C-alpha atoms as a PDB file:
ATOM      1  CA  MET A   1     123.383 103.030 102.274  1.00  0.00           C
ATOM      2  CA  ALA A   2     120.272 101.033 103.196  1.00  0.00           C
ATOM      3  CA  GLU A   3     122.306  97.838 103.464  1.00  0.00           C
ATOM      4  CA  ALA A   4     125.052  99.524 105.472  1.00  0.00           C
ATOM      5  CA  MET A   5     122.580 100.919 107.998  1.00  0.00           C
ATOM      6  CA  GLY A   6     120.237  97.955 108.002  1.00  0.00           C
ATOM      7  CA  ALA A   7     117.363 100.172 106.857  1.00  0.00           C
ATOM      8  CA  SER A   8     114.217  99.006 105.081  1.00  0.00           C
ATOM      9  CA  CYS A   9     112.966 102.538 104.279  1.00  0.00           C
ATOM     10  CA  VAL A  10     115.120 105.284 102.778  1.00  0.00           C
ATOM     11  CA  GLY A  11     114.047 108.897 102.410  1.00  0.00           C
ATOM     12  CA  SER A  12     115.652 111.646 100.343  1.00  0.00           C
ATOM     13  CA  ARG A  13     115.710 115.395  99.989  1.00  0.00           C
ATOM     14  CA  ARG A  14     112.740 116.961  98.252  1.00  0.00           C
ATOM     15  CA  VAL A  15     113.564 120.409  96.896  1.00  0.00           C
ATOM     16  CA  LEU A  16     111.080 122.981  95.611  1.00  0.00           C
ATOM     17  CA  ARG A  17     111.157 124.221  92.034  1.00  0.00           C
ATOM     18  CA  PHE A  18     108.700 126.998  91.192  1.00  0.00           C
ATOM     19  CA  MET A  19     107.094 126.535  87.801  1.00  0.00           C
ATOM     20  CA  ASP A  20     107.141 130.258  86.966  1.00  0.00           C
ATOM     21  CA  GLY A  21     110.911 130.288  87.509  1.00  0.00           C
ATOM     22  CA  LEU A  22     110.764 132.817  90.342  1.00  0.00           C
ATOM     23  CA  GLU A  23     112.366 132.000  93.681  1.00  0.00           C
ATOM     24  CA  ARG A  24     110.478 133.097  96.800  1.00  0.00           C
ATOM     25  CA  ASN A  25     111.670 134.258 100.192  1.00  0.00           C
ATOM     26  CA  LEU A  26     109.738 131.673 102.193  1.00  0.00           C
ATOM     27  CA  SER A  27     110.287 130.433 105.724  1.00  0.00           C
ATOM     28  CA  ARG A  28     111.063 126.792 106.405  1.00  0.00           C
ATOM     29  CA  THR A  29     107.512 126.324 107.693  1.00  0.00           C
ATOM     30  CA  CYS A  30     105.996 127.598 104.450  1.00  0.00           C
ATOM     31  CA  ARG A  31     108.386 125.592 102.312  1.00  0.00           C
ATOM     32  CA  GLY A  32     107.406 122.516 104.299  1.00  0.00           C
ATOM     33  CA  LEU A  33     103.741 123.203 103.566  1.00  0.00           C
ATOM     34  CA  LEU A  34     104.648 123.203  99.883  1.00  0.00           C
ATOM     35  CA  GLY A  35     106.278 119.795 100.223  1.00  0.00           C
ATOM     36  CA  GLU A  36     109.954 120.524 100.829  1.00  0.00           C
ATOM     37  CA  HIS A  37     111.629 117.770 102.834  1.00  0.00           C
ATOM     38  CA  VAL A  38     115.110 118.267 104.252  1.00  0.00           C
ATOM     39  CA  CYS A  39     116.635 116.402 107.195  1.00  0.00           C
ATOM     40  CA  ASP A  40     119.635 117.852 109.028  1.00  0.00           C
ATOM     41  CA  ALA A  41     120.652 114.607 110.744  1.00  0.00           C
ATOM     42  CA  PRO A  42     124.357 114.132 109.914  1.00  0.00           C
ATOM     43  CA  ASP A  43     124.452 110.386 110.565  1.00  0.00           C
ATOM     44  CA  GLY A  44     121.668 109.512 108.165  1.00  0.00           C
ATOM     45  CA  ARG A  45     119.168 108.585 110.853  1.00  0.00           C
ATOM     46  CA  TYR A  46     115.842 110.361 111.090  1.00  0.00           C
ATOM     47  CA  PRO A  47     115.031 112.074 114.401  1.00  0.00           C
ATOM     48  CA  SER A  48     112.086 110.602 116.289  1.00  0.00           C
ATOM     49  CA  LYS A  49     109.549 113.156 115.027  1.00  0.00           C
ATOM     50  CA  LEU A  50     110.550 113.067 111.356  1.00  0.00           C
ATOM     51  CA  PHE A  51     109.777 110.377 108.801  1.00  0.00           C
ATOM     52  CA  PRO A  52     110.514 109.716 105.118  1.00  0.00           C
ATOM     53  CA  GLU A  53     108.128 111.282 102.599  1.00  0.00           C
ATOM     54  CA  GLY A  54     106.084 109.102 100.268  1.00  0.00           C
ATOM     55  CA  GLY A  55     107.018 111.059  97.156  1.00  0.00           C
ATOM     56  CA  SER A  56     110.738 110.561  97.665  1.00  0.00           C
ATOM     57  CA  ALA A  57     111.324 107.228  99.370  1.00  0.00           C
ATOM     58  CA  LEU A  58     112.626 103.726  98.708  1.00  0.00           C
ATOM     59  CA  ILE A  59     110.735 100.983 100.585  1.00  0.00           C
ATOM     60  CA  ALA A  60     111.635  97.299 100.763  1.00  0.00           C
ATOM     61  CA  ARG A  61     108.916  94.915  99.692  1.00  0.00           C
ATOM     62  CA  HIS A  62     108.928  93.037 103.004  1.00  0.00           C
ATOM     63  CA  VAL A  63     107.769  96.202 104.799  1.00  0.00           C
ATOM     64  CA  PHE A  64     104.500  96.130 102.847  1.00  0.00           C
ATOM     65  CA  ASP A  65     104.144  92.427 103.595  1.00  0.00           C
ATOM     66  CA  ARG A  66     104.265  93.148 107.331  1.00  0.00           C
ATOM     67  CA  VAL A  67     102.657  96.586 107.656  1.00  0.00           C
ATOM     68  CA  GLY A  68     100.280  96.652 104.701  1.00  0.00           C
ATOM     69  CA  TYR A  69      99.815  99.404 102.148  1.00  0.00           C
ATOM     70  CA  PHE A  70      99.134 103.125 102.436  1.00  0.00           C
ATOM     71  CA  GLU A  71      95.860 103.880 104.219  1.00  0.00           C
ATOM     72  CA  GLU A  72      93.636 105.470 101.563  1.00  0.00           C
ATOM     73  CA  SER A  73      90.843 106.331 104.021  1.00  0.00           C
ATOM     74  CA  LEU A  74      92.821 109.250 105.469  1.00  0.00           C
ATOM     75  CA  GLU A  75      90.885 112.082 103.829  1.00  0.00           C
ATOM     76  CA  LEU A  76      93.247 114.806 105.003  1.00  0.00           C
ATOM     77  CA  GLY A  77      96.310 113.117 103.558  1.00  0.00           C
ATOM     78  CA  GLY A  78      99.229 112.100 105.737  1.00  0.00           C
ATOM     79  CA  TYR A  79      99.082 108.487 104.625  1.00  0.00           C
ATOM     80  CA  ASP A  80     102.833 108.475 104.065  1.00  0.00           C
ATOM     81  CA  THR A  81     103.523 109.573 107.656  1.00  0.00           C
ATOM     82  CA  ASP A  82     100.958 107.043 108.864  1.00  0.00           C
ATOM     83  CA  PHE A  83     102.709 104.276 106.934  1.00  0.00           C
ATOM     84  CA  PHE A  84     106.218 105.123 108.096  1.00  0.00           C
ATOM     85  CA  ARG A  85     105.093 105.495 111.704  1.00  0.00           C
ATOM     86  CA  ALA A  86     103.545 102.049 111.500  1.00  0.00           C
ATOM     87  CA  ALA A  87     106.709 100.659 109.885  1.00  0.00           C
ATOM     88  CA  ARG A  88     108.890 102.159 112.599  1.00  0.00           C
ATOM     89  CA  SER A  89     106.557 100.795 115.294  1.00  0.00           C
ATOM     90  CA  ALA A  90     106.874  97.367 113.683  1.00  0.00           C
ATOM     91  CA  GLY A  91     110.645  97.533 114.153  1.00  0.00           C
ATOM     92  CA  PHE A  92     111.753  98.567 110.664  1.00  0.00           C
ATOM     93  CA  ARG A  93     114.616 101.042 110.510  1.00  0.00           C
ATOM     94  CA  ASP A  94     114.575 104.077 108.227  1.00  0.00           C
ATOM     95  CA  CYS A  95     117.402 106.339 107.088  1.00  0.00           C
ATOM     96  CA  TYR A  96     117.988 109.516 105.111  1.00  0.00           C
ATOM     97  CA  ALA A  97     120.052 109.694 101.928  1.00  0.00           C
ATOM     98  CA  HIS A  98     121.564 113.180 101.746  1.00  0.00           C
ATOM     99  CA  GLU A  99     122.820 112.691  98.198  1.00  0.00           C
ATOM    100  CA  ALA A 100     119.434 111.722  96.714  1.00  0.00           C
ATOM    101  CA  VAL A 101     117.295 114.636  95.503  1.00  0.00           C
ATOM    102  CA  VAL A 102     113.751 114.846  94.162  1.00  0.00           C
ATOM    103  CA  TYR A 103     112.534 118.144  92.685  1.00  0.00           C
ATOM    104  CA  HIS A 104     108.980 119.098  93.584  1.00  0.00           C
ATOM    105  CA  LEU A 105     107.300 121.420  91.056  1.00  0.00           C
ATOM    106  CA  ILE A 106     105.144 124.169  92.586  1.00  0.00           C
ATOM    107  CA  PRO A 107     102.556 126.081  90.496  1.00  0.00           C
ATOM    108  CA  ALA A 108     102.321 129.814  91.150  1.00  0.00           C
ATOM    109  CA  TYR A 109      98.842 129.708  92.707  1.00  0.00           C
ATOM    110  CA  ARG A 110     100.151 127.752  95.708  1.00  0.00           C
ATOM    111  CA  VAL A 111     102.391 130.597  96.824  1.00  0.00           C
ATOM    112  CA  GLY A 112      99.583 132.727  98.205  1.00  0.00           C
ATOM    113  CA  LEU A 113      97.718 133.494 101.412  1.00  0.00           C
ATOM    114  CA  GLU A 114      94.659 131.324 100.774  1.00  0.00           C
ATOM    115  CA  TYR A 115      96.642 128.258  99.815  1.00  0.00           C
ATOM    116  CA  PHE A 116      98.932 128.570 102.842  1.00  0.00           C
ATOM    117  CA  ARG A 117      95.864 128.979 105.053  1.00  0.00           C
ATOM    118  CA  TRP A 118      94.224 125.862 103.613  1.00  0.00           C
ATOM    119  CA  ALA A 119      97.411 123.807 103.810  1.00  0.00           C
ATOM    120  CA  SER A 120      98.106 124.937 107.395  1.00  0.00           C
ATOM    121  CA  LEU A 121      94.594 124.113 108.581  1.00  0.00           C
ATOM    122  CA  ARG A 122      94.738 120.736 106.863  1.00  0.00           C
ATOM    123  CA  MET A 123      98.088 119.949 108.445  1.00  0.00           C
ATOM    124  CA  GLY A 124      96.932 120.994 111.916  1.00  0.00           C
ATOM    125  CA  ALA A 125      93.842 118.797 111.782  1.00  0.00           C
ATOM    126  CA  ASN A 126      95.903 115.967 110.336  1.00  0.00           C
ATOM    127  CA  PHE A 127      98.446 116.199 113.176  1.00  0.00           C
ATOM    128  CA  ALA A 128      95.600 115.752 115.642  1.00  0.00           C
ATOM    129  CA  ARG A 129      94.278 112.762 113.719  1.00  0.00           C
ATOM    130  CA  MET A 130      97.698 111.143 113.645  1.00  0.00           C
ATOM    131  CA  ASP A 131      98.172 111.767 117.373  1.00  0.00           C
ATOM    132  CA  ARG A 132      94.803 110.169 118.058  1.00  0.00           C
ATOM    133  CA  ARG A 133      95.507 107.252 115.738  1.00  0.00           C
ATOM    134  CA  PHE A 134      98.787 106.409 117.462  1.00  0.00           C
ATOM    135  CA  GLY A 135      98.001 107.760 120.933  1.00  0.00           C
ATOM    136  CA  THR A 136      95.232 108.522 123.393  1.00  0.00           C
ATOM    137  CA  LEU A 137      92.403 111.033 123.590  1.00  0.00           C
ATOM    138  CA  THR A 138      93.944 112.483 126.741  1.00  0.00           C
ATOM    139  CA  GLY A 139      97.221 112.969 124.897  1.00  0.00           C
ATOM    140  CA  VAL A 140      95.473 114.842 122.086  1.00  0.00           C
ATOM    141  CA  ALA A 141      93.638 117.059 124.585  1.00  0.00           C
ATOM    142  CA  LEU A 142      96.866 117.940 126.394  1.00  0.00           C
ATOM    143  CA  LYS A 143      98.691 118.662 123.151  1.00  0.00           C
ATOM    144  CA  SER A 144      95.806 120.856 122.048  1.00  0.00           C
ATOM    145  CA  ILE A 145      96.053 122.927 125.219  1.00  0.00           C
ATOM    146  CA  ALA A 146      99.818 123.228 124.749  1.00  0.00           C
ATOM    147  CA  ARG A 147      99.411 124.336 121.125  1.00  0.00           C
ATOM    148  CA  ILE A 148      96.820 126.957 122.051  1.00  0.00           C
ATOM    149  CA  GLY A 149      99.089 128.287 124.778  1.00  0.00           C
ATOM    150  CA  GLN A 150     102.043 128.445 122.406  1.00  0.00           C
ATOM    151  CA  ALA A 151      99.901 130.215 119.807  1.00  0.00           C
ATOM    152  CA  ILE A 152      98.838 132.906 122.265  1.00  0.00           C
ATOM    153  CA  ILE A 153     102.124 133.350 124.108  1.00  0.00           C
ATOM    154  CA  VAL A 154     104.617 132.873 121.259  1.00  0.00           C
ATOM    155  CA  HIS A 155     103.249 132.954 117.720  1.00  0.00           C
ATOM    156  CA  LEU A 156     100.722 135.783 118.051  1.00  0.00           C
ATOM    157  CA  PRO A 157     103.181 138.328 119.537  1.00  0.00           C
ATOM    158  CA  LEU A 158     105.896 137.319 117.058  1.00  0.00           C
ATOM    159  CA  MET A 159     103.463 137.693 114.155  1.00  0.00           C
ATOM    160  CA  ALA A 160     102.532 141.191 115.351  1.00  0.00           C
ATOM    161  CA  ALA A 161     106.204 142.142 115.718  1.00  0.00           C
ATOM    162  CA  ALA A 162     107.063 140.816 112.263  1.00  0.00           C
ATOM    163  CA  HIS A 163     104.148 142.713 110.749  1.00  0.00           C
ATOM    164  CA  VAL A 164     105.328 145.968 112.326  1.00  0.00           C
ATOM    165  CA  LYS A 165     108.850 145.352 110.983  1.00  0.00           C
ATOM    166  CA  GLY A 166     107.513 144.622 107.514  1.00  0.00           C
ATOM    167  CA  ASP A 167     108.954 141.098 107.531  1.00  0.00           C
ATOM    168  CA  ALA A 168     106.504 139.359 105.189  1.00  0.00           C
ATOM    169  CA  SER A 169     108.203 135.958 105.382  1.00  0.00           C
ATOM    170  CA  GLU A 170     108.106 135.812 109.188  1.00  0.00           C
ATOM    171  CA  THR A 171     104.560 137.178 109.290  1.00  0.00           C
ATOM    172  CA  MET A 172     103.359 134.426 106.970  1.00  0.00           C
ATOM    173  CA  GLN A 173     105.192 131.774 108.952  1.00  0.00           C
ATOM    174  CA  ARG A 174     103.516 132.821 112.201  1.00  0.00           C
ATOM    175  CA  LYS A 175     100.116 132.951 110.516  1.00  0.00           C
ATOM    176  CA  CYS A 176     100.626 129.398 109.295  1.00  0.00           C
ATOM    177  CA  LEU A 177     101.558 128.220 112.792  1.00  0.00           C
ATOM    178  CA  LEU A 178      98.482 129.951 114.238  1.00  0.00           C
ATOM    179  CA  TRP A 179      96.218 128.329 111.644  1.00  0.00           C
ATOM    180  CA  ARG A 180      97.801 124.970 112.413  1.00  0.00           C
ATOM    181  CA  ALA A 181      97.104 125.340 116.142  1.00  0.00           C
ATOM    182  CA  HIS A 182      93.545 126.469 115.390  1.00  0.00           C
ATOM    183  CA  ALA A 183      92.783 123.378 113.293  1.00  0.00           C
ATOM    184  CA  TYR A 184      94.439 121.036 115.791  1.00  0.00           C
ATOM    185  CA  ALA A 185      92.205 122.421 118.537  1.00  0.00           C
ATOM    186  CA  ARG A 186      89.070 122.059 116.409  1.00  0.00           C
ATOM    187  CA  GLN A 187      89.915 118.466 115.575  1.00  0.00           C
ATOM    188  CA  ALA A 188      90.626 117.757 119.252  1.00  0.00           C
ATOM    189  CA  LEU A 189      87.229 119.207 120.219  1.00  0.00           C
ATOM    190  CA  HIS A 190      85.586 116.966 117.644  1.00  0.00           C
ATOM    191  CA  PHE A 191      87.257 113.917 119.166  1.00  0.00           C
ATOM    192  CA  MET A 192      86.179 114.895 122.685  1.00  0.00           C
ATOM    193  CA  MET A 193      82.637 116.029 121.806  1.00  0.00           C
ATOM    194  CA  PRO A 194      81.748 114.459 118.442  1.00  0.00           C
ATOM    195  CA  ASN A 195      78.029 115.233 118.699  1.00  0.00           C
ATOM    196  CA  LEU A 196      78.425 118.858 119.786  1.00  0.00           C
ATOM    197  CA  CYS A 197      81.407 119.704 117.572  1.00  0.00           C
ATOM    198  CA  LYS A 198      80.761 117.892 114.299  1.00  0.00           C
ATOM    199  CA  GLN A 199      82.167 120.648 112.030  1.00  0.00           C
ATOM    200  CA  ALA A 200      81.519 118.463 108.991  1.00  0.00           C
ATOM    201  CA  GLY A 201      81.796 121.324 106.506  1.00  0.00           C
ATOM    202  CA  PHE A 202      85.085 122.524 107.954  1.00  0.00           C
ATOM    203  CA  PHE A 203      86.735 119.118 107.804  1.00  0.00           C
ATOM    204  CA  ARG A 204      85.319 118.381 104.360  1.00  0.00           C
ATOM    205  CA  SER A 205      86.922 121.569 103.025  1.00  0.00           C
ATOM    206  CA  LEU A 206      90.312 120.320 104.240  1.00  0.00           C
ATOM    207  CA  GLU A 207      90.257 116.966 102.495  1.00  0.00           C
ATOM    208  CA  PHE A 208      93.417 116.245 100.533  1.00  0.00           C
ATOM    209  CA  ARG A 209      91.615 116.132  97.189  1.00  0.00           C
ATOM    210  CA  ALA A 210      89.630 119.318  97.904  1.00  0.00           C
ATOM    211  CA  GLU A 211      92.479 121.319  96.378  1.00  0.00           C
ATOM    212  CA  ARG A 212      91.473 120.007  92.958  1.00  0.00           C
ATOM    213  CA  THR A 213      88.098 121.730  93.266  1.00  0.00           C
ATOM    214  CA  SER A 214      89.648 124.863  94.771  1.00  0.00           C
ATOM    215  CA  VAL A 215      92.394 125.547  92.229  1.00  0.00           C
ATOM    216  CA  MET A 216      90.521 128.336  90.453  1.00  0.00           C
ATOM    217  CA  ALA A 217      89.694 129.990  93.762  1.00  0.00           C
ATOM    218  CA  PHE A 218      93.358 129.933  94.770  1.00  0.00           C
ATOM    219  CA  ARG A 219      94.417 131.292  91.384  1.00  0.00           C
ATOM    220  CA  HIS A 220      92.143 134.289  91.702  1.00  0.00           C
ATOM    221  CA  GLN A 221      93.385 135.391  95.127  1.00  0.00           C
END
């Protein structure tokens, strides 16, 4: 497939498997927070806002020679997206192999409110960092305003409606999207006013490896 499409990076499906054997009724947003990766593009080409995932990808050696390796200094994770964005910017083509599947094992403690909150906040702040890394401060500020507006106008009312209906899956999804917007805005404020909005403790708690020191806390929720 890579040869046929002239692609140097190939991504695959990443499907969740819960280690306790129980399947959950989770929204696509929540499943994405747990690491599920599914692309609906029928022609095998990724849409502009979606990239291969590091845990389920095939990368040609010459891509590393040109772009370099994964950026380990990204404390909030996202180094796979950072790498594939850089590869795409350098002119390398990527594609999606529908037939290839990687199963991602999920421990039970991750399917809970506190973990989804932590993962959503981390993702929101990371989105802002990626937008700043590949864009401008003005662009991040404008996107932050748009996200806040969407949170207030769309996600908050829909979360309230889902809660009234007793739709737990939709309620959780909207909470995750609100947390994501919240963290994006905080990261944007830090970029615009680094001395006034340091928030060092907040960002430190979202570091990718912080989960390892928070596992017991998640398990006891």
